Amino acid sequence: MYAVIESGGKQHRVELGSKIQVDRLDVQPGDSITLDRVLLVADGDDAAIGQPVVDGATVSAQVLGQDRGEKIIVFKYKPKARTRVKNGFRAELTTLRITDIAFGGKSAAQDAEKQQQAEAKEAKEAEKAAKEAAAKAAEQKAAADAELAAKLAAAEQPAKEEAAEAKPTASKKSTAKKAAAEPAPEAEAAAEDAEPAPEAGAEGDAATEKDE
């Protein structure tokens, strides 16, 4: 929704939230004013044109401050008359911010507030849907990881069983080798009890003496 207003003999096209500068008004910064000189109000395809103003249409504004416009140089001269006049001019302006446009029971501020609430609700629903989608994706990923871990464990189980079966056989072989390498306790005892055999040199000497 927009409107065309008249202030200080000048026309301004305004919308909700727009800032304009009009000729100096007798107001203070922070004041709220109502502009009654509304020449046109348009809302989408519907438009109301005043003759000269639109009945029942009002534009509300908030005073932001009192300013001065840019300096304008006015130079006048008359040729061949030696007339030269140079003047400067700065307009006294009031800065306004449009807060509402009302016509025919409609209010631009209320419509904007409803639209903001709807957008906030949509954003909240979208955020909620995104969180739910992220949680669902996390659950699916966790389930896929668990399934993959189960498959890997099932694939490794036969190898573990074969390794477990092969381990006793190897231990038996190592035990047999150790037993063959170490003498039996009974054999060690018998060897200790047996008398030492006479040496070959001693027997030869005994036989020589006997012959003599």
N, C-alpha and C. Protein backbone atom coordinates (compact mmCIF):
# COMPACT_ATOMS: atom_id res chain seq x y z
N MET A 1 0.85 -1.19 0.00
CA MET A 1 0.00 0.00 0.00
C MET A 1 0.89 1.25 0.00
N TYR A 2 0.53 2.21 -0.84
CA TYR A 2 1.25 3.48 -0.87
C TYR A 2 0.25 4.61 -1.05
N ALA A 3 0.74 5.83 -0.81
CA ALA A 3 -0.13 7.00 -0.90
C ALA A 3 0.67 8.18 -1.43
N VAL A 4 -0.05 9.16 -1.93
CA VAL A 4 0.55 10.42 -2.38
C VAL A 4 -0.03 11.51 -1.49
N ILE A 5 0.86 12.21 -0.80
CA ILE A 5 0.42 13.25 0.13
C ILE A 5 0.94 14.60 -0.36
N GLU A 6 0.34 15.64 0.21
CA GLU A 6 0.74 17.01 -0.12
C GLU A 6 1.13 17.72 1.18
N SER A 7 2.30 18.35 1.15
CA SER A 7 2.76 19.10 2.31
C SER A 7 3.65 20.23 1.82
N GLY A 8 3.32 21.45 2.24
CA GLY A 8 4.09 22.61 1.83
C GLY A 8 4.01 22.90 0.35
N GLY A 9 2.87 22.52 -0.27
CA GLY A 9 2.70 22.76 -1.70
C GLY A 9 3.45 21.75 -2.57
N LYS A 10 4.02 20.70 -1.97
CA LYS A 10 4.74 19.68 -2.73
C LYS A 10 4.11 18.32 -2.48
N GLN A 11 4.18 17.47 -3.48
CA GLN A 11 3.62 16.13 -3.40
C GLN A 11 4.74 15.12 -3.14
N HIS A 12 4.41 14.12 -2.29
CA HIS A 12 5.38 13.09 -1.93
C HIS A 12 4.69 11.73 -2.00
N ARG A 13 5.35 10.77 -2.64
CA ARG A 13 4.86 9.38 -2.66
C ARG A 13 5.48 8.65 -1.48
N VAL A 14 4.63 8.09 -0.63
CA VAL A 14 5.12 7.49 0.61
C VAL A 14 4.60 6.06 0.73
N GLU A 15 5.39 5.24 1.45
CA GLU A 15 5.01 3.88 1.81
C GLU A 15 5.29 3.69 3.29
N LEU A 16 4.87 2.56 3.81
CA LEU A 16 5.10 2.27 5.22
C LEU A 16 6.61 2.14 5.48
N GLY A 17 7.10 2.96 6.43
CA GLY A 17 8.51 2.91 6.78
C GLY A 17 9.40 3.85 5.98
N SER A 18 8.87 4.52 4.97
CA SER A 18 9.70 5.42 4.15
C SER A 18 9.97 6.73 4.89
N LYS A 19 11.10 7.36 4.55
CA LYS A 19 11.49 8.64 5.15
C LYS A 19 11.39 9.74 4.10
N ILE A 20 10.84 10.85 4.50
CA ILE A 20 10.69 11.99 3.59
C ILE A 20 11.10 13.27 4.33
N GLN A 21 11.39 14.28 3.55
CA GLN A 21 11.68 15.61 4.09
C GLN A 21 10.68 16.58 3.49
N VAL A 22 9.97 17.29 4.37
CA VAL A 22 8.97 18.26 3.94
C VAL A 22 9.38 19.63 4.50
N ASP A 23 8.71 20.65 4.00
CA ASP A 23 8.99 21.99 4.51
C ASP A 23 8.73 22.05 6.01
N ARG A 24 9.48 22.93 6.67
CA ARG A 24 9.49 22.99 8.14
C ARG A 24 8.08 23.04 8.71
N LEU A 25 7.82 22.10 9.65
CA LEU A 25 6.56 22.05 10.38
C LEU A 25 6.82 22.43 11.83
N ASP A 26 5.81 22.95 12.48
CA ASP A 26 5.94 23.38 13.87
C ASP A 26 5.72 22.17 14.79
N VAL A 27 6.70 21.29 14.79
CA VAL A 27 6.65 20.07 15.61
C VAL A 27 8.03 19.85 16.23
N GLN A 28 8.07 18.91 17.19
CA GLN A 28 9.30 18.57 17.87
C GLN A 28 9.71 17.13 17.54
N PRO A 29 11.02 16.83 17.52
CA PRO A 29 11.46 15.45 17.27
C PRO A 29 10.84 14.48 18.26
N GLY A 30 10.35 13.36 17.75
CA GLY A 30 9.68 12.36 18.57
C GLY A 30 8.18 12.47 18.55
N ASP A 31 7.63 13.58 18.05
CA ASP A 31 6.18 13.74 17.98
C ASP A 31 5.60 12.86 16.87
N SER A 32 4.32 12.51 17.02
CA SER A 32 3.57 11.79 15.99
C SER A 32 2.53 12.73 15.41
N ILE A 33 2.47 12.80 14.10
CA ILE A 33 1.54 13.70 13.43
C ILE A 33 0.73 12.92 12.42
N THR A 34 -0.37 13.52 11.99
CA THR A 34 -1.25 12.93 10.98
C THR A 34 -1.35 13.89 9.81
N LEU A 35 -1.09 13.36 8.63
CA LEU A 35 -1.17 14.16 7.41
C LEU A 35 -2.51 13.87 6.73
N ASP A 36 -3.34 14.92 6.64
CA ASP A 36 -4.69 14.74 6.10
C ASP A 36 -4.76 14.99 4.59
N ARG A 37 -3.80 15.66 4.04
CA ARG A 37 -3.85 15.98 2.61
C ARG A 37 -3.34 14.77 1.82
N VAL A 38 -4.22 13.77 1.69
CA VAL A 38 -3.89 12.53 0.97
C VAL A 38 -4.57 12.62 -0.40
N LEU A 39 -3.78 12.68 -1.46
CA LEU A 39 -4.31 12.83 -2.81
C LEU A 39 -4.62 11.51 -3.48
N LEU A 40 -3.94 10.44 -3.05
CA LEU A 40 -4.16 9.13 -3.69
C LEU A 40 -3.76 8.04 -2.72
N VAL A 41 -4.52 6.95 -2.75
CA VAL A 41 -4.21 5.75 -1.96
C VAL A 41 -4.36 4.55 -2.88
N ALA A 42 -3.35 3.70 -2.91
CA ALA A 42 -3.37 2.52 -3.77
C ALA A 42 -2.97 1.31 -2.96
N ASP A 43 -3.75 0.23 -3.13
CA ASP A 43 -3.48 -1.04 -2.45
C ASP A 43 -3.61 -2.15 -3.48
N GLY A 44 -2.48 -2.55 -4.06
CA GLY A 44 -2.54 -3.55 -5.12
C GLY A 44 -3.18 -2.98 -6.37
N ASP A 45 -4.23 -3.64 -6.82
CA ASP A 45 -4.95 -3.15 -8.01
C ASP A 45 -6.00 -2.11 -7.68
N ASP A 46 -6.34 -1.95 -6.39
CA ASP A 46 -7.35 -0.97 -5.98
C ASP A 46 -6.68 0.38 -5.73
N ALA A 47 -7.29 1.43 -6.23
CA ALA A 47 -6.75 2.78 -6.05
C ALA A 47 -7.90 3.75 -5.87
N ALA A 48 -7.69 4.72 -5.00
CA ALA A 48 -8.68 5.77 -4.75
C ALA A 48 -8.00 7.11 -5.00
N ILE A 49 -8.59 7.88 -5.91
CA ILE A 49 -8.02 9.18 -6.29
C ILE A 49 -8.93 10.26 -5.73
N GLY A 50 -8.34 11.21 -5.01
CA GLY A 50 -9.12 12.26 -4.38
C GLY A 50 -9.43 13.41 -5.33
N GLN A 51 -10.43 14.15 -4.95
CA GLN A 51 -10.84 15.32 -5.73
C GLN A 51 -11.07 16.52 -4.78
N PRO A 52 -10.08 17.17 -4.26
CA PRO A 52 -8.65 16.87 -4.48
C PRO A 52 -8.07 15.86 -3.51
N VAL A 53 -8.78 15.59 -2.36
CA VAL A 53 -8.22 14.66 -1.38
C VAL A 53 -9.16 13.46 -1.27
N VAL A 54 -8.59 12.36 -0.73
CA VAL A 54 -9.37 11.13 -0.54
C VAL A 54 -10.05 11.21 0.83
N ASP A 55 -11.38 11.04 0.83
CA ASP A 55 -12.11 11.11 2.09
C ASP A 55 -11.79 9.88 2.95
N GLY A 56 -11.50 10.15 4.22
CA GLY A 56 -11.26 9.05 5.17
C GLY A 56 -9.85 8.49 5.13
N ALA A 57 -9.00 9.01 4.29
CA ALA A 57 -7.63 8.50 4.19
C ALA A 57 -6.71 9.37 5.04
N THR A 58 -5.87 8.72 5.81
CA THR A 58 -4.91 9.43 6.65
C THR A 58 -3.55 8.75 6.57
N VAL A 59 -2.54 9.56 6.77
CA VAL A 59 -1.15 9.05 6.80
C VAL A 59 -0.53 9.52 8.11
N SER A 60 -0.07 8.55 8.91
CA SER A 60 0.56 8.87 10.18
C SER A 60 2.07 8.85 10.01
N ALA A 61 2.74 9.77 10.72
CA ALA A 61 4.20 9.87 10.59
C ALA A 61 4.80 10.24 11.94
N GLN A 62 6.07 9.91 12.11
CA GLN A 62 6.82 10.28 13.30
C GLN A 62 7.91 11.27 12.93
N VAL A 63 8.06 12.30 13.73
CA VAL A 63 9.06 13.34 13.46
C VAL A 63 10.43 12.83 13.92
N LEU A 64 11.38 12.78 12.99
CA LEU A 64 12.73 12.34 13.31
C LEU A 64 13.65 13.50 13.66
N GLY A 65 13.42 14.66 13.08
CA GLY A 65 14.28 15.80 13.40
C GLY A 65 14.02 16.98 12.48
N GLN A 66 14.65 18.09 12.84
CA GLN A 66 14.57 19.31 12.04
C GLN A 66 15.94 19.52 11.38
N ASP A 67 15.94 19.67 10.07
CA ASP A 67 17.20 19.79 9.32
C ASP A 67 17.14 21.00 8.40
N ARG A 68 18.27 21.22 7.74
CA ARG A 68 18.37 22.25 6.71
C ARG A 68 18.86 21.58 5.42
N GLY A 69 18.29 22.02 4.32
CA GLY A 69 18.66 21.44 3.03
C GLY A 69 20.00 21.96 2.54
N GLU A 70 20.41 21.47 1.39
CA GLU A 70 21.66 21.91 0.79
C GLU A 70 21.56 23.37 0.35
N LYS A 71 22.70 24.03 0.35
CA LYS A 71 22.72 25.45 -0.02
C LYS A 71 22.54 25.60 -1.53
N ILE A 72 21.68 26.51 -1.89
CA ILE A 72 21.41 26.81 -3.29
C ILE A 72 21.86 28.24 -3.58
N ILE A 73 22.63 28.41 -4.64
CA ILE A 73 23.10 29.74 -5.03
C ILE A 73 22.15 30.31 -6.08
N VAL A 74 21.65 31.50 -5.80
CA VAL A 74 20.76 32.21 -6.73
C VAL A 74 21.53 33.44 -7.25
N PHE A 75 21.78 33.44 -8.55
CA PHE A 75 22.57 34.51 -9.15
C PHE A 75 21.73 35.19 -10.24
N LYS A 76 21.57 36.48 -10.08
CA LYS A 76 20.79 37.25 -11.06
C LYS A 76 21.68 38.36 -11.64
N TYR A 77 21.51 38.55 -12.92
CA TYR A 77 22.25 39.65 -13.55
C TYR A 77 21.45 40.15 -14.75
N LYS A 78 21.74 41.39 -15.10
CA LYS A 78 21.12 42.00 -16.28
C LYS A 78 22.24 42.44 -17.20
N PRO A 79 22.24 41.91 -18.38
CA PRO A 79 23.33 42.31 -19.30
C PRO A 79 23.23 43.80 -19.68
N LYS A 80 24.42 44.36 -19.81
CA LYS A 80 24.55 45.76 -20.23
C LYS A 80 23.95 46.74 -19.23
N ALA A 81 23.68 46.27 -18.04
CA ALA A 81 23.11 47.17 -17.02
C ALA A 81 23.95 47.18 -15.76
N ARG A 82 25.02 46.40 -15.77
CA ARG A 82 25.91 46.32 -14.61
C ARG A 82 25.16 45.93 -13.34
N THR A 83 24.26 44.95 -13.49
CA THR A 83 23.48 44.47 -12.34
C THR A 83 23.89 43.02 -12.05
N ARG A 84 24.42 42.79 -10.87
CA ARG A 84 24.82 41.46 -10.45
C ARG A 84 24.33 41.25 -9.02
N VAL A 85 23.51 40.19 -8.82
CA VAL A 85 22.98 39.89 -7.49
C VAL A 85 23.20 38.39 -7.22
N LYS A 86 23.89 38.09 -6.15
CA LYS A 86 24.18 36.70 -5.77
C LYS A 86 23.66 36.44 -4.36
N ASN A 87 22.79 35.47 -4.22
CA ASN A 87 22.19 35.12 -2.94
C ASN A 87 22.30 33.60 -2.71
N GLY A 88 22.40 33.22 -1.45
CA GLY A 88 22.37 31.81 -1.06
C GLY A 88 21.08 31.48 -0.33
N PHE A 89 20.67 30.21 -0.45
CA PHE A 89 19.41 29.81 0.19
C PHE A 89 19.54 28.36 0.68
N ARG A 90 19.08 28.13 1.92
CA ARG A 90 19.01 26.77 2.48
C ARG A 90 17.61 26.57 3.04
N ALA A 91 16.92 25.55 2.57
CA ALA A 91 15.55 25.30 3.00
C ALA A 91 15.52 24.71 4.40
N GLU A 92 14.54 25.13 5.16
CA GLU A 92 14.30 24.56 6.48
C GLU A 92 13.37 23.36 6.31
N LEU A 93 13.84 22.17 6.72
CA LEU A 93 13.11 20.93 6.46
C LEU A 93 12.81 20.19 7.75
N THR A 94 11.78 19.36 7.68
CA THR A 94 11.42 18.44 8.76
C THR A 94 11.47 17.02 8.21
N THR A 95 12.20 16.14 8.89
CA THR A 95 12.34 14.75 8.45
C THR A 95 11.27 13.90 9.13
N LEU A 96 10.51 13.16 8.34
CA LEU A 96 9.42 12.32 8.83
C LEU A 96 9.64 10.87 8.42
N ARG A 97 9.14 9.97 9.25
CA ARG A 97 9.09 8.55 8.90
C ARG A 97 7.65 8.09 8.94
N ILE A 98 7.17 7.51 7.86
CA ILE A 98 5.77 7.10 7.75
C ILE A 98 5.56 5.85 8.61
N THR A 99 4.58 5.92 9.50
CA THR A 99 4.30 4.81 10.40
C THR A 99 3.02 4.06 10.05
N ASP A 100 2.10 4.68 9.30
CA ASP A 100 0.86 3.98 8.96
C ASP A 100 0.15 4.72 7.84
N ILE A 101 -0.56 3.94 7.02
CA ILE A 101 -1.45 4.47 5.98
C ILE A 101 -2.80 3.79 6.17
N ALA A 102 -3.81 4.56 6.48
CA ALA A 102 -5.13 4.00 6.78
C ALA A 102 -6.16 4.52 5.78
N PHE A 103 -6.98 3.57 5.28
CA PHE A 103 -8.06 3.94 4.35
C PHE A 103 -9.03 2.77 4.24
N GLY A 104 -10.34 3.11 4.36
CA GLY A 104 -11.39 2.11 4.15
C GLY A 104 -11.30 0.94 5.11
N GLY A 105 -10.93 1.19 6.36
CA GLY A 105 -10.85 0.10 7.34
C GLY A 105 -9.57 -0.71 7.25
N LYS A 106 -8.68 -0.38 6.34
CA LYS A 106 -7.42 -1.09 6.20
C LYS A 106 -6.29 -0.26 6.79
N SER A 107 -5.30 -0.96 7.32
CA SER A 107 -4.15 -0.29 7.92
C SER A 107 -2.88 -0.98 7.42
N ALA A 108 -1.99 -0.20 6.87
CA ALA A 108 -0.74 -0.77 6.36
C ALA A 108 0.11 -1.33 7.50
N ALA A 109 0.07 -0.68 8.66
CA ALA A 109 0.86 -1.15 9.80
C ALA A 109 0.35 -2.50 10.30
N GLN A 110 -0.97 -2.64 10.40
CA GLN A 110 -1.54 -3.92 10.84
C GLN A 110 -1.26 -5.02 9.83
N ASP A 111 -1.39 -4.70 8.54
CA ASP A 111 -1.08 -5.71 7.52
C ASP A 111 0.38 -6.14 7.59
N ALA A 112 1.27 -5.18 7.80
CA ALA A 112 2.70 -5.51 7.90
C ALA A 112 2.97 -6.37 9.13
N GLU A 113 2.29 -6.05 10.24
CA GLU A 113 2.49 -6.84 11.46
C GLU A 113 2.00 -8.27 11.28
N LYS A 114 0.85 -8.42 10.62
CA LYS A 114 0.33 -9.77 10.35
C LYS A 114 1.29 -10.54 9.44
N GLN A 115 1.81 -9.85 8.44
CA GLN A 115 2.74 -10.51 7.53
C GLN A 115 4.02 -10.93 8.26
N GLN A 116 4.51 -10.07 9.15
CA GLN A 116 5.70 -10.43 9.92
C GLN A 116 5.44 -11.63 10.83
N GLN A 117 4.26 -11.66 11.44
CA GLN A 117 3.92 -12.81 12.29
C GLN A 117 3.84 -14.09 11.46
N ALA A 118 3.24 -13.98 10.26
CA ALA A 118 3.16 -15.16 9.40
C ALA A 118 4.55 -15.63 8.96
N GLU A 119 5.40 -14.67 8.61
CA GLU A 119 6.76 -15.03 8.20
C GLU A 119 7.54 -15.65 9.37
N ALA A 120 7.35 -15.09 10.57
CA ALA A 120 8.03 -15.66 11.74
C ALA A 120 7.53 -17.08 12.01
N LYS A 121 6.23 -17.30 11.85
CA LYS A 121 5.68 -18.63 12.05
C LYS A 121 6.22 -19.61 11.01
N GLU A 122 6.28 -19.17 9.76
CA GLU A 122 6.83 -20.03 8.71
C GLU A 122 8.31 -20.34 8.98
N ALA A 123 9.05 -19.32 9.41
CA ALA A 123 10.46 -19.55 9.71
C ALA A 123 10.63 -20.53 10.87
N LYS A 124 9.77 -20.41 11.89
CA LYS A 124 9.83 -21.32 13.02
C LYS A 124 9.50 -22.74 12.58
N GLU A 125 8.46 -22.89 11.75
CA GLU A 125 8.10 -24.22 11.26
C GLU A 125 9.21 -24.80 10.40
N ALA A 126 9.83 -23.96 9.56
CA ALA A 126 10.93 -24.44 8.73
C ALA A 126 12.11 -24.88 9.59
N GLU A 127 12.40 -24.10 10.65
CA GLU A 127 13.50 -24.48 11.54
C GLU A 127 13.19 -25.79 12.25
N LYS A 128 11.94 -25.96 12.68
CA LYS A 128 11.54 -27.20 13.34
C LYS A 128 11.65 -28.37 12.38
N ALA A 129 11.19 -28.18 11.14
CA ALA A 129 11.30 -29.25 10.14
C ALA A 129 12.76 -29.59 9.86
N ALA A 130 13.62 -28.56 9.81
CA ALA A 130 15.04 -28.81 9.57
C ALA A 130 15.65 -29.61 10.71
N LYS A 131 15.28 -29.27 11.97
CA LYS A 131 15.80 -30.02 13.11
C LYS A 131 15.32 -31.47 13.08
N GLU A 132 14.04 -31.66 12.74
CA GLU A 132 13.52 -33.03 12.67
C GLU A 132 14.21 -33.81 11.57
N ALA A 133 14.45 -33.15 10.43
CA ALA A 133 15.15 -33.84 9.34
C ALA A 133 16.58 -34.19 9.75
N ALA A 134 17.25 -33.27 10.47
CA ALA A 134 18.62 -33.55 10.92
C ALA A 134 18.63 -34.71 11.92
N ALA A 135 17.64 -34.73 12.84
CA ALA A 135 17.58 -35.83 13.81
C ALA A 135 17.31 -37.16 13.11
N LYS A 136 16.41 -37.13 12.13
CA LYS A 136 16.11 -38.35 11.39
C LYS A 136 17.32 -38.84 10.61
N ALA A 137 18.04 -37.90 10.01
CA ALA A 137 19.25 -38.29 9.28
C ALA A 137 20.29 -38.88 10.23
N ALA A 138 20.41 -38.29 11.44
CA ALA A 138 21.36 -38.83 12.42
C ALA A 138 20.97 -40.24 12.85
N GLU A 139 19.66 -40.46 13.06
CA GLU A 139 19.19 -41.81 13.42
C GLU A 139 19.47 -42.80 12.31
N GLN A 140 19.20 -42.41 11.07
CA GLN A 140 19.47 -43.29 9.95
C GLN A 140 20.96 -43.62 9.84
N LYS A 141 21.80 -42.60 10.06
CA LYS A 141 23.24 -42.83 10.00
C LYS A 141 23.69 -43.78 11.10
N ALA A 142 23.13 -43.58 12.32
CA ALA A 142 23.49 -44.47 13.42
C ALA A 142 23.05 -45.90 13.13
N ALA A 143 21.84 -46.05 12.57
CA ALA A 143 21.36 -47.39 12.23
C ALA A 143 22.24 -48.03 11.15
N ALA A 144 22.63 -47.23 10.15
CA ALA A 144 23.50 -47.76 9.10
C ALA A 144 24.86 -48.17 9.66
N ASP A 145 25.41 -47.35 10.58
CA ASP A 145 26.69 -47.69 11.20
C ASP A 145 26.58 -48.98 12.01
N ALA A 146 25.48 -49.11 12.76
CA ALA A 146 25.29 -50.32 13.56
C ALA A 146 25.16 -51.56 12.65
N GLU A 147 24.42 -51.41 11.56
CA GLU A 147 24.27 -52.53 10.63
C GLU A 147 25.61 -52.91 10.01
N LEU A 148 26.40 -51.90 9.63
CA LEU A 148 27.72 -52.16 9.06
C LEU A 148 28.63 -52.84 10.07
N ALA A 149 28.58 -52.39 11.33
CA ALA A 149 29.39 -53.03 12.37
C ALA A 149 28.98 -54.47 12.59
N ALA A 150 27.65 -54.74 12.55
CA ALA A 150 27.19 -56.11 12.70
C ALA A 150 27.66 -56.99 11.55
N LYS A 151 27.62 -56.46 10.33
CA LYS A 151 28.09 -57.23 9.18
C LYS A 151 29.59 -57.53 9.28
N LEU A 152 30.37 -56.53 9.71
CA LEU A 152 31.81 -56.74 9.87
C LEU A 152 32.10 -57.78 10.94
N ALA A 153 31.33 -57.71 12.05
CA ALA A 153 31.52 -58.69 13.12
C ALA A 153 31.16 -60.09 12.65
N ALA A 154 30.07 -60.19 11.87
CA ALA A 154 29.68 -61.50 11.34
C ALA A 154 30.73 -62.03 10.36
N ALA A 155 31.33 -61.14 9.60
CA ALA A 155 32.36 -61.58 8.65
C ALA A 155 33.65 -62.00 9.37
N GLU A 156 33.97 -61.36 10.51
CA GLU A 156 35.19 -61.70 11.24
C GLU A 156 35.01 -62.91 12.14
N GLN A 157 33.79 -63.34 12.45
CA GLN A 157 33.55 -64.45 13.37
C GLN A 157 34.15 -65.76 12.87
N PRO A 158 33.97 -66.19 11.59
CA PRO A 158 34.59 -67.44 11.13
C PRO A 158 36.11 -67.43 11.25
N ALA A 159 36.72 -66.29 10.94
CA ALA A 159 38.17 -66.21 11.06
C ALA A 159 38.61 -66.38 12.51
N LYS A 160 37.88 -65.79 13.44
CA LYS A 160 38.22 -65.95 14.85
C LYS A 160 38.05 -67.39 15.29
N GLU A 161 36.99 -68.05 14.82
CA GLU A 161 36.78 -69.46 15.20
C GLU A 161 37.90 -70.33 14.65
N GLU A 162 38.31 -70.13 13.39
CA GLU A 162 39.42 -70.90 12.83
C GLU A 162 40.70 -70.66 13.61
N ALA A 163 40.96 -69.39 13.98
CA ALA A 163 42.16 -69.10 14.76
C ALA A 163 42.11 -69.78 16.12
N ALA A 164 40.90 -69.81 16.74
CA ALA A 164 40.76 -70.48 18.03
C ALA A 164 40.98 -71.98 17.91
N GLU A 165 40.50 -72.59 16.81
CA GLU A 165 40.71 -74.03 16.61
C GLU A 165 42.18 -74.35 16.32
N ALA A 166 42.87 -73.51 15.60
CA ALA A 166 44.27 -73.77 15.26
C ALA A 166 45.20 -73.52 16.43
N LYS A 167 44.85 -72.76 17.39
CA LYS A 167 45.72 -72.42 18.50
C LYS A 167 46.03 -73.62 19.39
N PRO A 168 45.05 -74.50 19.80
CA PRO A 168 45.38 -75.67 20.62
C PRO A 168 46.35 -76.62 19.93
N THR A 169 46.20 -76.84 18.62
CA THR A 169 47.10 -77.74 17.88
C THR A 169 48.53 -77.24 17.94
N ALA A 170 48.70 -75.97 17.75
CA ALA A 170 50.05 -75.40 17.83
C ALA A 170 50.63 -75.55 19.22
N SER A 171 49.80 -75.35 20.25
CA SER A 171 50.29 -75.50 21.62
C SER A 171 50.67 -76.94 21.91
N LYS A 172 49.89 -77.89 21.37
CA LYS A 172 50.24 -79.30 21.56
C LYS A 172 51.59 -79.61 20.93
N LYS A 173 51.81 -79.12 19.70
CA LYS A 173 53.08 -79.37 19.03
C LYS A 173 54.23 -78.78 19.82
N SER A 174 54.08 -77.58 20.33
CA SER A 174 55.15 -76.95 21.10
C SER A 174 55.42 -77.72 22.38
N THR A 175 54.35 -78.26 23.02
CA THR A 175 54.53 -79.06 24.24
C THR A 175 55.28 -80.34 23.94
N ALA A 176 54.95 -80.99 22.81
CA ALA A 176 55.64 -82.23 22.45
C ALA A 176 57.11 -81.96 22.17
N LYS A 177 57.41 -80.86 21.46
CA LYS A 177 58.80 -80.52 21.19
C LYS A 177 59.56 -80.24 22.48
N LYS A 178 58.92 -79.55 23.42
CA LYS A 178 59.56 -79.25 24.69
C LYS A 178 59.83 -80.51 25.49
N ALA A 179 58.83 -81.44 25.45
CA ALA A 179 59.01 -82.70 26.16
C ALA A 179 60.12 -83.53 25.56
N ALA A 180 60.24 -83.56 24.24
CA ALA A 180 61.32 -84.31 23.59
C ALA A 180 62.67 -83.70 23.88
N ALA A 181 62.73 -82.40 24.02
CA ALA A 181 64.02 -81.75 24.29
C ALA A 181 64.46 -81.95 25.71
N GLU A 182 63.54 -81.98 26.70
CA GLU A 182 63.89 -82.14 28.09
C GLU A 182 63.86 -83.62 28.48
N PRO A 183 64.84 -84.14 29.22
CA PRO A 183 64.83 -85.55 29.66
C PRO A 183 63.77 -85.77 30.71
N ALA A 184 63.26 -87.02 30.75
CA ALA A 184 62.24 -87.37 31.72
C ALA A 184 62.83 -87.43 33.12
N PRO A 185 62.08 -87.14 34.14
CA PRO A 185 62.60 -87.20 35.52
C PRO A 185 63.07 -88.59 35.89
N GLU A 186 62.37 -89.68 35.47
CA GLU A 186 62.76 -91.05 35.79
C GLU A 186 64.10 -91.37 35.19
N ALA A 187 64.33 -90.95 33.93
CA ALA A 187 65.62 -91.23 33.29
C ALA A 187 66.74 -90.52 34.02
N GLU A 188 66.51 -89.29 34.48
CA GLU A 188 67.53 -88.58 35.24
C GLU A 188 67.85 -89.31 36.54
N ALA A 189 66.83 -89.83 37.25
CA ALA A 189 67.06 -90.56 38.50
C ALA A 189 67.85 -91.83 38.26
N ALA A 190 67.51 -92.59 37.21
CA ALA A 190 68.23 -93.84 36.90
C ALA A 190 69.68 -93.54 36.57
N ALA A 191 69.92 -92.46 35.86
CA ALA A 191 71.31 -92.12 35.51
C ALA A 191 72.12 -91.75 36.74
N GLU A 192 71.48 -91.10 37.73
CA GLU A 192 72.19 -90.76 38.96
C GLU A 192 72.51 -92.00 39.77
N ASP A 193 71.55 -93.01 39.84
CA ASP A 193 71.76 -94.23 40.64
C ASP A 193 72.82 -95.14 40.02
N ALA A 194 72.98 -95.17 38.73
CA ALA A 194 73.96 -96.07 38.08
C ALA A 194 75.37 -95.68 38.44
N GLU A 195 76.29 -96.70 38.65
CA GLU A 195 77.68 -96.44 38.99
C GLU A 195 78.42 -95.98 37.77
N PRO A 196 79.40 -95.17 37.96
CA PRO A 196 80.14 -94.71 36.79
C PRO A 196 80.97 -95.84 36.21
N ALA A 197 81.06 -96.01 34.93
CA ALA A 197 81.81 -97.08 34.24
C ALA A 197 83.29 -96.80 34.33
N PRO A 198 84.10 -97.87 34.47
CA PRO A 198 85.54 -97.63 34.55
C PRO A 198 86.06 -97.09 33.25
N GLU A 199 87.11 -96.32 33.43
CA GLU A 199 87.66 -95.68 32.24
C GLU A 199 88.46 -96.69 31.45
N ALA A 200 88.58 -96.47 30.19
CA ALA A 200 89.28 -97.42 29.29
C ALA A 200 90.75 -97.52 29.63
N GLY A 201 91.38 -96.45 30.01
CA GLY A 201 92.81 -96.46 30.35
C GLY A 201 93.11 -97.31 31.57
N ALA A 202 92.24 -97.20 32.58
CA ALA A 202 92.44 -97.97 33.80
C ALA A 202 92.30 -99.45 33.54
N GLU A 203 91.30 -99.89 32.78
CA GLU A 203 91.12 -101.30 32.46
C GLU A 203 92.31 -101.87 31.73
N GLY A 204 92.88 -101.12 30.79
CA GLY A 204 94.06 -101.58 30.04
C GLY A 204 95.26 -101.82 30.94
N ASP A 205 95.48 -100.94 31.92
CA ASP A 205 96.60 -101.09 32.83
C ASP A 205 96.43 -102.33 33.70
N ALA A 206 95.15 -102.55 34.18
CA ALA A 206 94.86 -103.74 35.00
C ALA A 206 95.13 -105.02 34.25
N ALA A 207 94.75 -105.09 33.00
CA ALA A 207 94.98 -106.30 32.19
C ALA A 207 96.44 -106.53 31.94
N THR A 208 97.25 -105.52 31.81
CA THR A 208 98.68 -105.65 31.57
C THR A 208 99.39 -106.20 32.79
N GLU A 209 98.99 -105.69 33.98
CA GLU A 209 99.61 -106.19 35.20
C GLU A 209 99.28 -107.65 35.40
N LYS A 210 98.06 -108.13 35.10
CA LYS A 210 97.63 -109.47 35.29
C LYS A 210 98.44 -110.41 34.38
N ASP A 211 98.72 -110.03 33.16
CA ASP A 211 99.48 -110.84 32.23
C ASP A 211 100.88 -111.04 32.71
N GLU A 212 101.45 -110.02 33.30
CA GLU A 212 102.80 -110.13 33.80
C GLU A 212 102.86 -111.09 34.96
